[in-house]
Amino acid sequence: MKPSIELFNLIKSLTKSEKRFFKLSSSLQSGDKNYLKIFDFIESQSIYDEAKLKEDFKSEIFVNHLPSEKNHLYKLILKSLRSFYSEQSISSVLKQEIKNVEILYNKALYRECEKFVSRAKLQARQNEKFYYWYELISWEKKLIEETYDSREFSTNIEGLMQEEEMVIEKLRNLAEYQVIYSKINLVFRSGGFTRTDEERKVVDEIANYHLIKGKNTAISTRASSMCYYIKGLCAATNRNFEDSFQFFNRTREILDHNPEIKEDSGQRYVMTLSHLLRTYIMSKEFEKAKQLITDLKSLEGTKGFNSTDLMVRIFTNSSNLELTLLHAQGAFQESVSLIPEIERLQKEYGEKISKEQEVLLTYSKAYSFFGSGDFKKALSYINVVLNDNEQNLRQDIYSFSRLFNIVLHFELENYDFLEYLIKSTNRYLNKKERSFEIENVCIRNIRKIAKLSDNSVILKTWQEMKVELNELLNNRNEKVILEYFNITAWVESKIEKSTLSEAVKRLL
C-alpha cells in the first residue's frame, strides 16, 4: 500500500512563523517527543520517502507503530495551528468566547457568563456573524432560565425574542444569497461566459431573481456585498462590461467601508478586484488597471489576506491579469520577461494553485510567446492546455486554445498537419454546440490561405477576412474572442507585414 502523504503536505504547507510556533509550543511539553524527530525529518525532504524515514530511525521503537505516530503528529500540528490563528479571525475569536461562556455556565458563574455573552454578542453584531450571534442569544435564554428566580439578570426577554427573530431573518437572507452565488459561480467557472441559450437562460433567471433584481432586498452588509457581486458576475458572463464594472465597483465600496467584513471576506474581495481589473483592460483604461494590480498585490500578507489560500489567489490573479494587460498593450516582450518569476512562484506554491488558475496562466504564457514571435515556445505551452482538458472547467479556454493551436501551426507552416487539425477542431466545436461564427470564419480563411501561393491573392484574402471579422465583431457575443486572442490585430499584422505588437499598438 502506498504511504499516506497527508502529513508531508501539511508540514510543507507551514510558514516559518507556523513552524516556529509549533516548535515553541512543543518545547513546553514534557516526556518523549518522537513526533519532533518525524517532523524534522519530513521537513527536510523535498519528496516524501517513508522507506528512508524508516531506515534512518530503524533503531527507534516508534517506527514499529509509525502510522499512529504520524497521526499523532498531524493532530498536534492542527492543534498548534488552531492556537496560532485563534486571534486572527473573528470566527476563531467567537468560537473561543462561546467556549468560555460554556465553561463559566457549567461552573454556575452566571454573572461572569453574562459579561462574556454581552461582549461576544457585540463582536458578532459588528462583524455580522449571524450564526454565532444566534448561538449567543441561545446562551442568554439559558441564563435567563437559570437566574429567573433571583430576578438579577438584566436582559429583557421580549427584546431578546425580537432580536432572535431579526438574526434568524438575516441569517436566512444571507444563506439564500449564498445559494444564488453558487449557481452563477458554477456557470462562470465552467465556461467563463455564456455560450448557449440554456446557459443564458440560467444567468437571466438569476439576474431577474427577486433578491437580485429587487431594491433593498439585502438586509445586511454581507448580503449587500454578495448581491452586487452576483449582479457583477451575471453581467460579466454575458460580457456586459459596463454593468459589471458598476456592480463590482459597488461591491468594493461596500467592503472598503466595512473593514471588519472585508477582512473576513478576503476571497470575494480579491475576486472583486480581479473582475474590476478585467473591465479596465477591456475598456483600455490601462493606467487604472496598473494601479489596481498594485492594489491587489499590496493585499498580500495584510490582516485578513495572510492565509496561504488568499496569497495564492492574489498571486495567480494578479500574475494572469498583469500578463493580460501587457498583451492588450502589445507589450509582449515585457510579458515574456515576467514568466520566469511567475513560474518560480508556481513551483513554490505547487498543488496549492487551482487547476483553473494553472490553465489560465499557461494560456497567458503561450500568448506572450506568440506575441513575441516565438511560435514553438507558444505551441509547447498551448499543448499543455490541450493535453489536460478538464471537462467541467473553463471550457472557454480549452475551446479558444484549439483555435489558437491552428494559428500557431499556420505560423509554423505545418500545412500538412493543418488540414487534420482543422477537421479535429471543427468536430470538437460542433460537439460543444458553440454558436460563434467568428471561429468558423477564422478557420475557413486560414485553411484557404494555407493552400495559396500567389501573394496578391493571399493579401486580398486577408483583407476580405478583415472586413468579415469587423462585421462580426459588432456582435457582443462574437467579440468574446478578443479577450483570448486579438484576431483583428493578427490579421492586421498580416496585411501590413508587421509584428503583432506593432499591430496591437496601431489599433489601440
Protein backbone atom coordinates (compact mmCIF):
# COMPACT_ATOMS: atom_id res chain seq x y z
CA MET A 1 0.00 0.00 0.00
CA LYS A 2 1.30 3.46 -0.91
CA PRO A 3 2.26 5.53 2.17
CA SER A 4 -0.05 8.41 3.01
CA ILE A 5 1.39 11.85 2.17
CA GLU A 6 -1.18 13.98 4.07
CA LEU A 7 1.30 14.67 6.89
CA PHE A 8 4.03 15.59 4.37
CA ASN A 9 1.66 18.01 2.59
CA LEU A 10 0.62 19.61 5.88
CA ILE A 11 4.21 20.12 7.06
CA LYS A 12 5.25 21.53 3.68
CA SER A 13 2.35 23.99 3.81
CA LEU A 14 3.57 25.54 7.07
CA THR A 15 5.08 29.02 7.05
CA LYS A 16 8.23 29.86 9.01
CA SER A 17 6.12 31.51 11.71
CA GLU A 18 3.83 28.49 11.98
CA LYS A 19 6.81 26.12 12.27
CA ARG A 20 8.41 28.32 14.91
CA PHE A 21 5.19 28.40 16.93
CA PHE A 22 4.84 24.61 16.70
CA LYS A 23 8.41 24.06 17.88
CA LEU A 24 7.97 26.54 20.72
CA SER A 25 4.72 25.00 21.94
CA SER A 26 6.28 21.52 21.69
CA SER A 27 9.26 22.60 23.83
CA LEU A 28 6.85 23.34 26.68
CA GLN A 29 5.69 19.73 26.76
CA SER A 30 7.39 17.06 28.87
CA GLY A 31 8.17 13.45 28.02
CA ASP A 32 9.36 11.78 24.81
CA LYS A 33 8.90 13.78 21.64
CA ASN A 34 9.31 11.26 18.88
CA TYR A 35 6.92 13.32 16.80
CA LEU A 36 9.54 16.09 16.58
CA LYS A 37 12.03 13.67 15.07
CA ILE A 38 9.46 12.71 12.45
CA PHE A 39 8.60 16.39 11.90
CA ASP A 40 12.24 17.44 11.33
CA PHE A 41 12.91 14.50 9.02
CA ILE A 42 9.85 15.10 6.85
CA GLU A 43 10.51 18.85 6.78
CA SER A 44 13.96 18.18 5.29
CA GLN A 45 12.53 16.10 2.42
CA SER A 46 11.56 17.57 -0.93
CA ILE A 47 9.62 14.42 -1.88
CA TYR A 48 8.13 12.17 0.78
CA ASP A 49 10.13 8.94 1.19
CA GLU A 50 8.73 6.83 4.02
CA ALA A 51 11.16 3.99 3.36
CA LYS A 52 14.07 6.34 4.05
CA LEU A 53 12.36 7.59 7.21
CA LYS A 54 12.03 4.01 8.48
CA GLU A 55 15.63 3.26 7.57
CA ASP A 56 17.01 6.31 9.40
CA PHE A 57 15.03 5.52 12.55
CA LYS A 58 15.14 1.73 12.39
CA SER A 59 16.60 1.57 15.89
CA GLU A 60 13.74 3.63 17.35
CA ILE A 61 10.76 1.83 18.88
CA PHE A 62 8.24 4.31 17.47
CA VAL A 63 8.97 3.10 13.92
CA ASN A 64 7.06 -0.09 14.75
CA HIS A 65 3.86 1.94 15.04
CA LEU A 66 4.68 4.73 12.60
CA PRO A 67 1.09 5.25 11.31
CA SER A 68 -0.16 6.12 14.79
CA GLU A 69 2.87 8.40 15.39
CA LYS A 70 2.19 10.19 12.12
CA ASN A 71 -1.47 10.58 13.03
CA HIS A 72 -0.49 11.95 16.45
CA LEU A 73 1.86 14.48 14.84
CA TYR A 74 -0.81 15.51 12.33
CA LYS A 75 -3.26 16.26 15.15
CA LEU A 76 -0.61 18.15 17.14
CA ILE A 77 0.17 20.37 14.15
CA LEU A 78 -3.52 21.14 13.66
CA LYS A 79 -3.85 21.93 17.37
CA SER A 80 -0.86 24.25 17.12
CA LEU A 81 -2.35 25.98 14.08
CA ARG A 82 -5.65 26.47 15.90
CA SER A 83 -3.78 28.20 18.71
CA PHE A 84 -1.65 30.20 16.30
CA TYR A 85 -4.69 31.56 14.47
CA SER A 86 -7.03 31.75 17.46
CA GLU A 87 -6.89 35.56 17.49
CA GLN A 88 -6.51 36.13 13.76
CA SER A 89 -10.08 35.63 12.55
CA ILE A 90 -13.34 36.76 14.07
CA SER A 91 -14.76 33.25 13.74
CA SER A 92 -11.90 31.84 15.83
CA VAL A 93 -12.35 34.56 18.43
CA LEU A 94 -16.09 33.94 18.71
CA LYS A 95 -15.58 30.18 18.99
CA GLN A 96 -13.20 30.79 21.89
CA GLU A 97 -15.63 33.19 23.55
CA ILE A 98 -18.50 30.73 23.26
CA LYS A 99 -16.30 28.03 24.75
CA ASN A 100 -15.56 30.39 27.66
CA VAL A 101 -19.30 31.01 28.07
CA GLU A 102 -19.91 27.26 28.23
CA ILE A 103 -17.19 26.78 30.87
CA LEU A 104 -18.47 29.61 33.08
CA TYR A 105 -22.07 28.41 32.73
CA ASN A 106 -21.14 24.88 33.77
CA LYS A 107 -19.47 26.32 36.86
CA ALA A 108 -22.67 28.27 37.68
CA LEU A 109 -20.77 31.58 37.38
CA TYR A 110 -23.74 33.26 35.74
CA ARG A 111 -22.78 36.91 36.26
CA GLU A 112 -19.36 36.34 34.69
CA CYS A 113 -21.02 34.33 31.95
CA GLU A 114 -23.37 37.22 31.17
CA LYS A 115 -20.39 39.55 30.67
CA PHE A 116 -18.78 37.17 28.19
CA VAL A 117 -22.04 36.74 26.29
CA SER A 118 -22.55 40.50 26.09
CA ARG A 119 -19.01 41.11 24.84
CA ALA A 120 -19.16 38.31 22.27
CA LYS A 121 -22.56 39.45 21.00
CA LEU A 122 -21.14 42.91 20.31
CA GLN A 123 -18.36 41.35 18.23
CA ALA A 124 -20.80 39.08 16.40
CA ARG A 125 -23.08 42.04 15.63
CA GLN A 126 -20.25 44.29 14.41
CA ASN A 127 -18.92 41.55 12.13
CA GLU A 128 -22.36 40.25 11.07
CA LYS A 129 -21.57 36.74 12.24
CA PHE A 130 -25.21 35.75 12.45
CA TYR A 131 -24.70 32.08 13.27
CA TYR A 132 -22.59 32.91 16.35
CA TRP A 133 -24.93 35.76 17.23
CA TYR A 134 -27.84 33.31 17.20
CA GLU A 135 -25.91 30.85 19.38
CA LEU A 136 -25.10 33.59 21.88
CA ILE A 137 -28.78 34.52 22.09
CA SER A 138 -29.45 30.88 22.94
CA TRP A 139 -26.98 31.17 25.82
CA GLU A 140 -28.71 34.34 27.00
CA LYS A 141 -32.01 32.45 27.08
CA LYS A 142 -30.41 29.69 29.13
CA LEU A 143 -29.01 32.27 31.53
CA ILE A 144 -32.47 33.80 31.94
CA GLU A 145 -33.87 30.41 32.88
CA GLU A 146 -31.14 29.87 35.50
CA THR A 147 -31.45 33.30 37.10
CA TYR A 148 -35.18 33.88 36.71
CA ASP A 149 -35.97 33.23 40.36
CA SER A 150 -33.31 35.60 41.62
CA ARG A 151 -34.58 38.35 39.25
CA GLU A 152 -30.99 39.51 38.90
CA PHE A 153 -30.49 39.03 35.16
CA SER A 154 -30.66 42.29 33.20
CA THR A 155 -31.94 41.04 29.84
CA ASN A 156 -35.41 41.98 28.57
CA ILE A 157 -36.94 38.70 27.40
CA GLU A 158 -39.32 40.31 24.88
CA GLY A 159 -36.49 42.33 23.36
CA LEU A 160 -34.37 39.21 23.20
CA MET A 161 -37.09 37.32 21.31
CA GLN A 162 -37.36 40.16 18.78
CA GLU A 163 -33.57 40.18 18.39
CA GLU A 164 -33.60 36.44 17.79
CA GLU A 165 -36.22 36.78 15.04
CA MET A 166 -34.17 39.54 13.43
CA VAL A 167 -30.98 37.47 13.49
CA ILE A 168 -32.75 34.42 12.03
CA GLU A 169 -34.13 36.56 9.20
CA LYS A 170 -30.69 38.00 8.41
CA LEU A 171 -29.16 34.53 8.52
CA ARG A 172 -31.85 33.15 6.19
CA ASN A 173 -31.42 36.12 3.82
CA LEU A 174 -27.64 35.68 3.64
CA ALA A 175 -27.97 31.92 3.14
CA GLU A 176 -30.28 32.48 0.15
CA TYR A 177 -27.74 34.82 -1.45
CA GLN A 178 -25.05 32.19 -0.93
CA VAL A 179 -27.13 29.64 -2.84
CA ILE A 180 -27.62 32.09 -5.72
CA TYR A 181 -23.90 32.88 -5.75
CA SER A 182 -23.08 29.18 -6.06
CA LYS A 183 -25.31 28.91 -9.14
CA ILE A 184 -23.80 31.86 -11.04
CA ASN A 185 -20.28 30.90 -9.98
CA LEU A 186 -20.80 27.44 -11.49
CA VAL A 187 -21.70 28.99 -14.86
CA PHE A 188 -18.71 31.35 -14.75
CA ARG A 189 -16.13 28.79 -13.66
CA SER A 190 -17.29 26.14 -16.11
CA GLY A 191 -17.39 28.37 -19.18
CA GLY A 192 -16.14 31.87 -18.43
CA PHE A 193 -19.07 33.30 -20.37
CA THR A 194 -22.50 32.20 -21.55
CA ARG A 195 -22.11 30.09 -24.69
CA THR A 196 -25.55 28.58 -25.21
CA ASP A 197 -29.17 29.66 -24.92
CA GLU A 198 -29.53 27.29 -21.97
CA GLU A 199 -26.69 28.99 -20.08
CA ARG A 200 -28.04 32.46 -20.90
CA LYS A 201 -31.40 31.35 -19.54
CA VAL A 202 -29.78 30.28 -16.24
CA VAL A 203 -27.99 33.64 -15.92
CA ASP A 204 -31.14 35.59 -16.83
CA GLU A 205 -33.12 33.71 -14.19
CA ILE A 206 -30.52 34.62 -11.57
CA ALA A 207 -30.31 38.26 -12.70
CA ASN A 208 -34.11 38.56 -12.52
CA TYR A 209 -34.48 36.74 -9.19
CA HIS A 210 -36.32 38.96 -6.71
CA LEU A 211 -33.39 39.11 -4.29
CA ILE A 212 -31.09 40.26 -7.10
CA LYS A 213 -33.35 42.48 -9.16
CA GLY A 214 -35.37 43.97 -6.30
CA LYS A 215 -34.39 47.02 -4.26
CA ASN A 216 -33.36 46.84 -0.59
CA THR A 217 -33.62 43.04 -0.59
CA ALA A 218 -30.25 42.52 1.13
CA ILE A 219 -30.78 43.14 4.84
CA SER A 220 -27.15 43.05 5.99
CA THR A 221 -23.84 44.42 4.76
CA ARG A 222 -22.58 40.91 3.98
CA ALA A 223 -25.70 40.15 1.95
CA SER A 224 -25.47 43.50 0.18
CA SER A 225 -21.85 42.90 -0.90
CA MET A 226 -22.82 39.43 -2.13
CA CYS A 227 -25.84 40.79 -4.01
CA TYR A 228 -23.75 43.27 -6.00
CA TYR A 229 -21.08 40.65 -6.59
CA ILE A 230 -23.71 38.30 -8.06
CA LYS A 231 -25.00 41.14 -10.26
CA GLY A 232 -21.44 41.71 -11.43
CA LEU A 233 -20.92 38.03 -12.27
CA CYS A 234 -24.20 37.90 -14.20
CA ALA A 235 -23.12 40.91 -16.25
CA ALA A 236 -19.59 39.51 -16.73
CA THR A 237 -20.81 36.13 -18.01
CA ASN A 238 -22.94 37.99 -20.56
CA ARG A 239 -19.95 40.23 -21.43
CA ASN A 240 -21.75 43.40 -20.32
CA PHE A 241 -18.62 45.14 -19.02
CA GLU A 242 -20.26 48.49 -18.34
CA ASP A 243 -22.74 46.94 -15.90
CA SER A 244 -20.21 44.51 -14.44
CA PHE A 245 -17.89 47.43 -13.66
CA GLN A 246 -20.67 49.29 -11.83
CA PHE A 247 -21.65 46.26 -9.77
CA PHE A 248 -18.13 45.11 -8.88
CA ASN A 249 -17.13 48.67 -8.04
CA ARG A 250 -20.12 48.88 -5.69
CA THR A 251 -19.06 45.57 -4.09
CA ARG A 252 -15.61 47.01 -3.48
CA GLU A 253 -17.04 50.20 -1.96
CA ILE A 254 -19.22 48.24 0.48
CA LEU A 255 -16.30 46.11 1.66
CA ASP A 256 -13.87 49.04 1.84
CA HIS A 257 -16.30 50.91 4.08
CA ASN A 258 -16.71 47.87 6.34
CA PRO A 259 -13.13 46.74 7.09
CA GLU A 260 -14.13 44.00 9.58
CA ILE A 261 -16.33 42.32 6.99
CA LYS A 262 -13.75 42.94 4.25
CA GLU A 263 -11.08 41.12 6.26
CA ASP A 264 -13.46 38.21 6.76
CA SER A 265 -14.45 38.17 3.05
CA GLY A 266 -10.95 38.04 1.61
CA GLN A 267 -11.71 35.68 -1.25
CA ARG A 268 -14.63 37.77 -2.50
CA TYR A 269 -12.60 40.97 -2.21
CA VAL A 270 -9.69 39.52 -4.23
CA MET A 271 -12.07 38.28 -6.92
CA THR A 272 -13.89 41.63 -6.96
CA LEU A 273 -10.64 43.47 -7.70
CA SER A 274 -9.77 40.84 -10.33
CA HIS A 275 -13.08 41.33 -12.13
CA LEU A 276 -12.68 45.12 -11.96
CA LEU A 277 -9.21 44.75 -13.44
CA ARG A 278 -10.58 42.83 -16.40
CA THR A 279 -13.16 45.55 -17.10
CA TYR A 280 -10.42 48.21 -17.07
CA ILE A 281 -8.35 46.16 -19.53
CA MET A 282 -11.28 45.54 -21.87
CA SER A 283 -12.17 49.25 -21.84
CA LYS A 284 -8.47 50.14 -22.47
CA GLU A 285 -8.15 52.10 -19.20
CA PHE A 286 -4.62 50.82 -18.80
CA GLU A 287 -3.35 53.25 -16.13
CA LYS A 288 -6.27 52.39 -13.85
CA ALA A 289 -5.58 48.71 -14.49
CA LYS A 290 -1.91 49.14 -13.49
CA GLN A 291 -2.93 50.86 -10.27
CA LEU A 292 -5.43 48.12 -9.47
CA ILE A 293 -2.75 45.44 -9.98
CA THR A 294 -0.64 47.33 -7.43
CA ASP A 295 -3.64 47.47 -5.06
CA LEU A 296 -4.24 43.75 -5.48
CA LYS A 297 -0.61 42.79 -4.86
CA SER A 298 -0.42 45.07 -1.81
CA LEU A 299 -3.09 42.98 -0.05
CA GLU A 300 -0.74 40.00 0.29
CA GLY A 301 0.23 39.37 3.89
CA THR A 302 -2.06 42.05 5.36
CA LYS A 303 -4.67 41.28 8.01
CA GLY A 304 -7.40 39.13 6.52
CA PHE A 305 -5.24 38.34 3.48
CA ASN A 306 -2.34 36.47 5.07
CA SER A 307 -3.59 32.90 4.67
CA THR A 308 -1.85 30.66 2.13
CA ASP A 309 -5.09 30.26 0.20
CA LEU A 310 -5.52 34.01 -0.28
CA MET A 311 -1.86 34.66 -1.02
CA VAL A 312 -2.07 32.04 -3.78
CA ARG A 313 -5.23 33.68 -5.14
CA ILE A 314 -3.59 37.11 -5.10
CA PHE A 315 -0.50 35.75 -6.89
CA THR A 316 -2.38 33.84 -9.60
CA ASN A 317 -4.96 36.53 -10.31
CA SER A 318 -2.50 39.44 -10.33
CA SER A 319 0.01 37.49 -12.47
CA ASN A 320 -2.54 36.38 -15.04
CA LEU A 321 -4.11 39.83 -15.31
CA GLU A 322 -0.75 41.57 -15.50
CA LEU A 323 0.09 39.37 -18.50
CA THR A 324 -3.34 40.12 -19.98
CA LEU A 325 -2.79 43.87 -19.52
CA LEU A 326 0.57 43.72 -21.29
CA HIS A 327 -0.97 41.69 -24.13
CA ALA A 328 -3.67 44.33 -24.57
CA GLN A 329 -0.95 46.98 -24.88
CA GLY A 330 1.14 44.95 -27.33
CA ALA A 331 3.97 44.69 -24.76
CA PHE A 332 4.68 41.02 -25.45
CA GLN A 333 8.41 41.09 -24.73
CA GLU A 334 7.69 42.63 -21.34
CA SER A 335 5.13 39.91 -20.62
CA VAL A 336 7.68 37.22 -21.55
CA SER A 337 10.16 38.76 -19.09
CA LEU A 338 7.68 38.17 -16.25
CA ILE A 339 7.29 34.45 -16.93
CA PRO A 340 10.43 33.13 -15.12
CA GLU A 341 9.38 34.74 -11.82
CA ILE A 342 5.78 33.56 -12.30
CA GLU A 343 6.98 30.01 -12.87
CA ARG A 344 9.29 30.17 -9.85
CA LEU A 345 6.31 31.06 -7.65
CA GLN A 346 4.14 28.44 -9.35
CA LYS A 347 6.71 25.83 -8.42
CA GLU A 348 6.87 27.16 -4.87
CA TYR A 349 3.10 27.05 -4.38
CA GLY A 350 2.78 23.73 -6.23
CA GLU A 351 -0.57 21.99 -5.93
CA LYS A 352 -2.00 24.83 -3.86
CA ILE A 353 -2.72 26.59 -7.16
CA SER A 354 -6.12 25.60 -8.53
CA LYS A 355 -6.44 23.84 -11.88
CA GLU A 356 -8.43 26.82 -13.20
CA GLN A 357 -5.62 29.26 -12.45
CA GLU A 358 -2.97 26.88 -13.80
CA VAL A 359 -4.86 26.68 -17.09
CA LEU A 360 -5.33 30.46 -17.30
CA LEU A 361 -1.65 31.13 -16.58
CA THR A 362 -0.48 28.53 -19.10
CA TYR A 363 -2.67 30.02 -21.81
CA SER A 364 -1.43 33.54 -20.99
CA LYS A 365 2.19 32.40 -21.18
CA ALA A 366 1.51 30.78 -24.56
CA TYR A 367 0.02 34.04 -25.82
CA SER A 368 3.03 36.01 -24.51
CA PHE A 369 5.45 33.91 -26.56
CA PHE A 370 3.13 34.03 -29.58
CA GLY A 371 3.10 37.82 -29.47
CA SER A 372 6.88 37.92 -29.19
CA GLY A 373 7.21 35.70 -32.28
CA ASP A 374 8.40 32.54 -30.52
CA PHE A 375 5.78 30.22 -32.02
CA LYS A 376 7.47 26.97 -30.99
CA LYS A 377 7.57 28.04 -27.36
CA ALA A 378 3.95 29.18 -27.56
CA LEU A 379 2.96 25.82 -29.03
CA SER A 380 4.67 23.93 -26.20
CA TYR A 381 2.53 25.83 -23.68
CA ILE A 382 -0.72 25.54 -25.61
CA ASN A 383 -0.16 21.77 -25.87
CA VAL A 384 -0.08 21.63 -22.06
CA VAL A 385 -3.56 23.16 -22.03
CA LEU A 386 -4.91 20.90 -24.78
CA ASN A 387 -3.49 17.74 -23.23
CA ASP A 388 -5.19 18.45 -19.90
CA ASN A 389 -8.76 19.07 -20.96
CA GLU A 390 -10.87 19.27 -17.81
CA GLN A 391 -14.48 18.54 -18.77
CA ASN A 392 -16.15 20.75 -16.17
CA LEU A 393 -13.77 23.70 -16.03
CA ARG A 394 -13.29 26.86 -18.14
CA GLN A 395 -14.36 25.44 -21.46
CA ASP A 396 -13.78 28.91 -22.92
CA ILE A 397 -10.02 28.46 -22.52
CA TYR A 398 -9.99 24.94 -23.91
CA SER A 399 -12.10 25.92 -26.92
CA PHE A 400 -10.10 29.02 -27.86
CA SER A 401 -6.88 27.07 -27.29
CA ARG A 402 -7.89 24.85 -30.20
CA LEU A 403 -8.30 27.85 -32.49
CA PHE A 404 -5.03 29.27 -31.18
CA ASN A 405 -3.40 25.91 -31.91
CA ILE A 406 -4.44 26.18 -35.57
CA VAL A 407 -2.97 29.70 -35.77
CA LEU A 408 0.33 28.52 -34.30
CA HIS A 409 0.67 25.62 -36.75
CA PHE A 410 -0.20 28.04 -39.56
CA GLU A 411 2.59 30.39 -38.40
CA LEU A 412 5.00 27.44 -38.21
CA GLU A 413 3.92 26.48 -41.78
CA ASN A 414 2.89 22.99 -40.71
CA TYR A 415 0.44 22.93 -43.61
CA ASP A 416 0.31 19.15 -43.97
CA PHE A 417 -0.79 18.77 -40.36
CA LEU A 418 -3.13 21.77 -40.55
CA GLU A 419 -5.86 20.01 -42.53
CA TYR A 420 -6.15 17.23 -39.96
CA LEU A 421 -6.09 19.76 -37.15
CA ILE A 422 -8.89 21.83 -38.69
CA LYS A 423 -11.13 18.79 -39.10
CA SER A 424 -10.46 17.76 -35.50
CA THR A 425 -11.20 21.27 -34.21
CA ASN A 426 -14.44 21.51 -36.18
CA ARG A 427 -15.61 18.21 -34.72
CA TYR A 428 -14.80 19.48 -31.22
CA LEU A 429 -16.60 22.80 -31.70
CA ASN A 430 -19.67 21.13 -33.19
CA LYS A 431 -19.79 18.72 -30.26
CA LYS A 432 -19.65 21.65 -27.83
CA GLU A 433 -22.56 23.34 -29.64
CA ARG A 434 -20.74 26.64 -29.67
CA SER A 435 -22.58 29.39 -31.52
CA PHE A 436 -19.72 31.67 -32.64
CA GLU A 437 -19.47 32.33 -36.35
CA ILE A 438 -16.16 34.14 -35.91
CA GLU A 439 -14.37 30.85 -35.24
CA ASN A 440 -15.73 29.40 -38.47
CA VAL A 441 -14.58 32.48 -40.39
CA CYS A 442 -11.07 32.23 -38.91
CA ILE A 443 -10.71 28.53 -39.61
CA ARG A 444 -12.13 28.77 -43.12
CA ASN A 445 -9.79 31.60 -44.15
CA ILE A 446 -6.70 30.07 -42.55
CA ARG A 447 -7.38 26.84 -44.43
CA LYS A 448 -7.80 28.80 -47.68
CA ILE A 449 -4.66 30.92 -47.24
CA ALA A 450 -2.54 27.88 -46.36
CA LYS A 451 -3.28 26.48 -49.83
CA LEU A 452 -2.49 29.70 -51.73
CA SER A 453 0.85 30.62 -53.30
CA ASP A 454 0.08 33.91 -55.11
CA ASN A 455 0.98 36.79 -52.76
CA SER A 456 -1.57 39.17 -54.26
CA VAL A 457 -4.37 36.63 -53.76
CA ILE A 458 -3.16 35.96 -50.22
CA LEU A 459 -3.23 39.69 -49.41
CA LYS A 460 -6.72 40.03 -50.89
CA THR A 461 -7.92 37.07 -48.77
CA TRP A 462 -6.52 38.67 -45.60
CA GLN A 463 -8.28 41.93 -46.47
CA GLU A 464 -11.59 40.15 -47.10
CA MET A 465 -11.17 38.28 -43.83
CA LYS A 466 -10.63 41.62 -42.04
CA VAL A 467 -13.89 43.02 -43.39
CA GLU A 468 -15.78 39.86 -42.44
CA LEU A 469 -14.32 39.88 -38.92
CA ASN A 470 -15.07 43.57 -38.32
CA GLU A 471 -18.70 42.98 -39.23
CA LEU A 472 -18.99 40.02 -36.87
CA LEU A 473 -17.28 41.88 -34.03
CA ASN A 474 -20.16 44.33 -33.85
CA ASN A 475 -21.96 41.49 -32.09
CA ARG A 476 -21.18 41.38 -28.34
CA ASN A 477 -21.20 37.58 -28.29
CA GLU A 478 -18.77 37.28 -31.20
CA LYS A 479 -16.50 39.88 -29.58
CA VAL A 480 -15.64 37.41 -26.81
CA ILE A 481 -12.71 36.10 -28.86
CA LEU A 482 -10.77 39.36 -28.33
CA GLU A 483 -10.37 38.54 -24.65
CA TYR A 484 -8.38 35.45 -25.58
CA PHE A 485 -6.86 36.22 -28.96
CA ASN A 486 -6.66 39.62 -30.70
CA ILE A 487 -7.65 38.22 -34.07
CA THR A 488 -8.10 41.68 -35.64
CA ALA A 489 -4.55 42.69 -34.73
CA TRP A 490 -3.20 39.39 -36.04
CA VAL A 491 -4.94 39.83 -39.40
CA GLU A 492 -3.79 43.47 -39.47
CA SER A 493 -0.19 42.32 -38.94
CA LYS A 494 -0.52 40.03 -41.97
CA ILE A 495 -1.90 42.78 -44.17
CA GLU A 496 0.69 45.37 -43.09
CA LYS A 497 3.51 42.81 -42.79
CA SER A 498 4.28 43.97 -39.27
CA THR A 499 4.72 42.30 -35.89
CA LEU A 500 1.69 41.53 -33.76
CA SER A 501 2.98 44.01 -31.19
CA GLU A 502 3.06 46.80 -33.75
CA ALA A 503 -0.42 45.89 -34.97
CA VAL A 504 -1.88 45.89 -31.45
CA LYS A 505 -0.42 49.31 -30.71
CA ARG A 506 -1.63 50.66 -34.03
CA LEU A 507 -5.20 49.56 -33.28
CA LEU A 508 -5.34 50.99 -29.75
